[in-house]
Every structure is written in C-alpha cells, then in structure tokens.
C-alpha cells in the first residue's frame, strides 16, 4: 500500500501536528503490532527511497530510529544504512 500511495504522489515527508512523519509511524510500536516485520521493512525502505528524512525529530525530539525496538536488528540496519548514506 505504501508503494502504491507513493507512486500516486503521496508526500513521504509530510508532517503531522505532532511533528511525526510517515517514517515515524512505520517504525513505531503500534505499526509492529499489526504488520509482519518483512512488510514493515519494505515500507521503511520505500519511504527512505522516496526521500524521507531519517533523522527528522517529532515534537518530543524523537527520530524514527528512536521509535524502533532495540531488538529489531534488521530495521535498525536499514535506518542506519540510510543515515550513513545521507551523511556521505
């Protein structure tokens, strides 16, 4: 669904009134409850490829990586690679 929305012009960098981006939600615990991990990882990759800022902070100063469970090594690796790529 994320890929479809992005292909139809959805803004991957949109920000809510709380400062959260779609990537914050894709990395948040509430998304993990209802979504298989591989699907979540695909959503995160699609948002990153669409230009989402992986270091954007919400109103509480949390970045998408702060929303990830520390045991989710695959998702942490995806986000870490994106941070490394954008800083080079």
N, C-alpha and C. Protein backbone atom coordinates (compact mmCIF):
# COMPACT_ATOMS: atom_id res chain seq x y z
N UNK A 1 0.82 -1.18 0.00
CA UNK A 1 0.00 0.00 0.00
C UNK A 1 0.87 1.26 0.00
N UNK A 2 1.95 1.25 0.76
CA UNK A 2 2.83 2.43 0.82
C UNK A 2 3.41 2.72 -0.55
N UNK A 3 3.86 1.68 -1.24
CA UNK A 3 4.43 1.89 -2.58
C UNK A 3 3.39 2.46 -3.53
N UNK A 4 2.16 1.97 -3.44
CA UNK A 4 1.08 2.48 -4.29
C UNK A 4 0.83 3.96 -3.99
N UNK A 5 0.71 4.30 -2.73
CA UNK A 5 0.48 5.69 -2.35
C UNK A 5 1.61 6.60 -2.83
N UNK A 6 2.84 6.15 -2.65
CA UNK A 6 3.98 6.94 -3.10
C UNK A 6 3.98 7.10 -4.62
N UNK A 7 3.62 6.04 -5.33
CA UNK A 7 3.59 6.11 -6.79
C UNK A 7 2.50 7.06 -7.28
N UNK A 8 1.49 7.29 -6.45
CA UNK A 8 0.39 8.20 -6.80
C UNK A 8 0.61 9.61 -6.27
N UNK A 9 1.82 9.87 -5.75
CA UNK A 9 2.14 11.24 -5.35
C UNK A 9 2.04 11.55 -3.87
N UNK A 10 1.85 10.55 -3.03
CA UNK A 10 1.80 10.82 -1.59
C UNK A 10 3.13 11.41 -1.14
N UNK A 11 3.08 12.33 -0.20
CA UNK A 11 4.27 13.02 0.30
C UNK A 11 4.91 12.21 1.42
N UNK A 12 6.05 11.62 1.15
CA UNK A 12 6.74 10.81 2.16
C UNK A 12 7.32 11.66 3.28
N UNK A 13 7.36 12.96 3.07
CA UNK A 13 7.93 13.88 4.06
C UNK A 13 6.85 14.68 4.80
N UNK A 14 5.59 14.30 4.61
CA UNK A 14 4.51 15.01 5.30
C UNK A 14 4.73 14.93 6.81
N UNK A 15 4.28 15.97 7.51
CA UNK A 15 4.47 16.04 8.96
C UNK A 15 3.12 16.28 9.63
N UNK A 16 2.84 15.52 10.70
CA UNK A 16 1.60 15.71 11.45
C UNK A 16 1.73 16.91 12.39
N UNK A 17 0.66 17.23 13.06
CA UNK A 17 0.70 18.34 14.02
C UNK A 17 1.61 18.03 15.21
N UNK A 18 1.97 16.75 15.39
CA UNK A 18 2.92 16.36 16.44
C UNK A 18 4.35 16.24 15.92
N UNK A 19 4.55 16.59 14.66
CA UNK A 19 5.88 16.54 14.08
C UNK A 19 6.30 15.18 13.56
N UNK A 20 5.39 14.23 13.52
CA UNK A 20 5.73 12.88 13.05
C UNK A 20 5.58 12.78 11.53
N UNK A 21 6.50 12.02 10.94
CA UNK A 21 6.47 11.74 9.51
C UNK A 21 5.94 10.31 9.30
N UNK A 22 5.63 9.94 8.07
CA UNK A 22 5.23 8.55 7.82
C UNK A 22 6.28 7.55 8.33
N UNK A 23 7.55 7.93 8.29
CA UNK A 23 8.60 7.02 8.76
C UNK A 23 8.51 6.82 10.27
N UNK A 24 8.16 7.85 11.02
CA UNK A 24 7.95 7.68 12.46
C UNK A 24 6.89 6.59 12.71
N UNK A 25 5.80 6.68 11.96
CA UNK A 25 4.72 5.71 12.14
C UNK A 25 5.13 4.31 11.69
N UNK A 26 5.87 4.21 10.61
CA UNK A 26 6.31 2.90 10.12
C UNK A 26 7.26 2.23 11.10
N UNK A 27 7.98 3.02 11.87
CA UNK A 27 8.94 2.47 12.84
C UNK A 27 8.34 2.29 14.23
N UNK A 28 7.17 2.86 14.48
CA UNK A 28 6.57 2.84 15.81
C UNK A 28 6.02 1.49 16.23
N UNK A 29 5.90 1.29 17.53
CA UNK A 29 5.43 0.01 18.07
C UNK A 29 4.02 -0.33 17.61
N UNK A 30 3.17 0.66 17.45
CA UNK A 30 1.78 0.40 17.05
C UNK A 30 1.70 -0.20 15.65
N UNK A 31 2.66 0.12 14.78
CA UNK A 31 2.69 -0.44 13.43
C UNK A 31 3.19 -1.88 13.49
N UNK A 32 4.11 -2.17 14.39
CA UNK A 32 4.66 -3.52 14.51
C UNK A 32 3.60 -4.51 14.97
N UNK A 33 2.64 -4.05 15.75
CA UNK A 33 1.60 -4.95 16.27
C UNK A 33 0.77 -5.53 15.14
N UNK A 34 0.45 -4.73 14.16
CA UNK A 34 -0.47 -5.13 13.10
C UNK A 34 0.18 -5.50 11.77
N UNK A 35 1.49 -5.51 11.71
CA UNK A 35 2.16 -5.66 10.42
C UNK A 35 3.32 -6.65 10.53
N UNK A 36 3.39 -7.63 9.64
CA UNK A 36 4.55 -8.54 9.64
C UNK A 36 5.84 -7.76 9.44
N UNK A 37 6.92 -8.22 10.05
CA UNK A 37 8.17 -7.47 10.03
C UNK A 37 8.70 -7.24 8.61
N UNK A 38 8.58 -8.21 7.72
CA UNK A 38 9.09 -8.01 6.36
C UNK A 38 8.30 -6.93 5.63
N UNK A 39 7.00 -6.89 5.84
CA UNK A 39 6.19 -5.84 5.23
C UNK A 39 6.59 -4.48 5.77
N UNK A 40 6.79 -4.40 7.08
CA UNK A 40 7.22 -3.14 7.71
C UNK A 40 8.57 -2.70 7.13
N UNK A 41 9.48 -3.63 6.99
CA UNK A 41 10.79 -3.30 6.45
C UNK A 41 10.68 -2.78 5.02
N UNK A 42 9.80 -3.38 4.22
CA UNK A 42 9.58 -2.90 2.85
C UNK A 42 9.01 -1.49 2.86
N UNK A 43 8.09 -1.22 3.77
CA UNK A 43 7.51 0.13 3.88
C UNK A 43 8.59 1.15 4.23
N UNK A 44 9.43 0.80 5.18
CA UNK A 44 10.51 1.71 5.60
C UNK A 44 11.46 1.95 4.43
N UNK A 45 11.84 0.91 3.72
CA UNK A 45 12.72 1.08 2.56
C UNK A 45 12.08 1.98 1.51
N UNK A 46 10.80 1.78 1.23
CA UNK A 46 10.10 2.59 0.23
C UNK A 46 10.07 4.06 0.65
N UNK A 47 9.81 4.32 1.92
CA UNK A 47 9.79 5.71 2.40
C UNK A 47 11.17 6.34 2.30
N UNK A 48 12.20 5.59 2.63
CA UNK A 48 13.57 6.11 2.53
C UNK A 48 13.92 6.40 1.08
N UNK A 49 13.59 5.47 0.19
CA UNK A 49 13.87 5.69 -1.24
C UNK A 49 13.11 6.88 -1.79
N UNK A 50 11.97 7.19 -1.19
CA UNK A 50 11.17 8.34 -1.64
C UNK A 50 11.70 9.66 -1.09
N UNK A 51 12.72 9.59 -0.25
CA UNK A 51 13.35 10.82 0.22
C UNK A 51 13.01 11.25 1.63
N UNK A 52 12.40 10.37 2.40
CA UNK A 52 12.07 10.70 3.79
C UNK A 52 13.35 10.99 4.57
N UNK A 53 13.30 11.99 5.42
CA UNK A 53 14.43 12.34 6.28
C UNK A 53 14.46 11.39 7.47
N UNK A 54 15.45 10.52 7.53
CA UNK A 54 15.52 9.52 8.59
C UNK A 54 15.92 10.11 9.93
N UNK A 55 16.38 11.35 9.95
CA UNK A 55 16.80 11.98 11.20
C UNK A 55 15.84 13.08 11.66
N UNK A 56 14.67 13.18 11.03
CA UNK A 56 13.71 14.22 11.44
C UNK A 56 13.19 13.93 12.84
N UNK A 57 13.03 14.98 13.63
CA UNK A 57 12.56 14.84 15.01
C UNK A 57 11.10 15.26 15.12
N UNK A 58 10.35 14.52 15.94
CA UNK A 58 8.98 14.93 16.22
C UNK A 58 8.99 15.98 17.33
N UNK A 59 7.82 16.36 17.82
CA UNK A 59 7.73 17.41 18.84
C UNK A 59 8.39 17.03 20.17
N UNK A 60 8.67 15.75 20.36
CA UNK A 60 9.33 15.28 21.57
C UNK A 60 10.81 15.00 21.34
N UNK A 61 11.31 15.38 20.16
CA UNK A 61 12.72 15.17 19.85
C UNK A 61 13.08 13.76 19.44
N UNK A 62 12.08 12.93 19.14
CA UNK A 62 12.35 11.54 18.76
C UNK A 62 12.45 11.42 17.24
N UNK A 63 13.47 10.70 16.80
CA UNK A 63 13.64 10.40 15.39
C UNK A 63 13.00 9.03 15.11
N UNK A 64 12.82 8.68 13.84
CA UNK A 64 12.29 7.35 13.54
C UNK A 64 13.10 6.22 14.18
N UNK A 65 14.41 6.37 14.23
CA UNK A 65 15.23 5.31 14.82
C UNK A 65 14.95 5.17 16.31
N UNK A 66 14.54 6.26 16.97
CA UNK A 66 14.18 6.19 18.38
C UNK A 66 12.91 5.37 18.60
N UNK A 67 12.10 5.23 17.57
CA UNK A 67 10.83 4.52 17.67
C UNK A 67 10.99 3.01 17.52
N UNK A 68 12.16 2.57 17.08
CA UNK A 68 12.39 1.15 16.78
C UNK A 68 12.76 0.40 18.06
N UNK A 69 12.21 -0.78 18.21
CA UNK A 69 12.58 -1.67 19.31
C UNK A 69 14.04 -2.05 19.14
N UNK A 70 14.82 -1.95 20.21
CA UNK A 70 16.25 -2.24 20.11
C UNK A 70 16.56 -3.67 19.69
N UNK A 71 15.59 -4.56 19.74
CA UNK A 71 15.80 -5.94 19.31
C UNK A 71 15.57 -6.13 17.81
N UNK A 72 15.06 -5.12 17.15
CA UNK A 72 14.76 -5.23 15.72
C UNK A 72 15.99 -4.84 14.90
N UNK A 73 16.93 -5.77 14.84
CA UNK A 73 18.23 -5.51 14.22
C UNK A 73 18.12 -5.21 12.73
N UNK A 74 17.20 -5.86 12.03
CA UNK A 74 17.06 -5.63 10.59
C UNK A 74 16.61 -4.20 10.34
N UNK A 75 15.58 -3.75 11.03
CA UNK A 75 15.08 -2.40 10.83
C UNK A 75 16.11 -1.36 11.27
N UNK A 76 16.81 -1.62 12.35
CA UNK A 76 17.88 -0.71 12.77
C UNK A 76 18.97 -0.63 11.71
N UNK A 77 19.27 -1.76 11.07
CA UNK A 77 20.26 -1.77 10.00
C UNK A 77 19.82 -0.97 8.79
N UNK A 78 18.54 -1.08 8.43
CA UNK A 78 18.00 -0.32 7.30
C UNK A 78 18.13 1.17 7.58
N UNK A 79 17.70 1.59 8.77
CA UNK A 79 17.76 3.01 9.12
C UNK A 79 19.20 3.49 9.25
N UNK A 80 20.05 2.66 9.86
CA UNK A 80 21.46 3.03 10.00
C UNK A 80 22.14 3.21 8.66
N UNK A 81 21.83 2.33 7.71
CA UNK A 81 22.40 2.46 6.37
C UNK A 81 21.94 3.75 5.70
N UNK A 82 20.68 4.10 5.90
CA UNK A 82 20.15 5.33 5.30
C UNK A 82 20.81 6.56 5.91
N UNK A 83 21.04 6.55 7.21
CA UNK A 83 21.71 7.68 7.86
C UNK A 83 23.12 7.80 7.32
N UNK A 84 23.82 6.69 7.23
CA UNK A 84 25.20 6.70 6.72
C UNK A 84 25.24 7.21 5.29
N UNK A 85 24.30 6.78 4.46
CA UNK A 85 24.26 7.19 3.05
C UNK A 85 23.98 8.67 2.91
N UNK A 86 23.07 9.21 3.71
CA UNK A 86 22.71 10.62 3.57
C UNK A 86 23.78 11.54 4.13
N UNK A 87 24.65 11.05 4.98
CA UNK A 87 25.70 11.90 5.55
C UNK A 87 26.98 11.88 4.75
N UNK A 88 27.11 10.95 3.81
CA UNK A 88 28.35 10.88 3.00
C UNK A 88 28.36 11.94 1.92
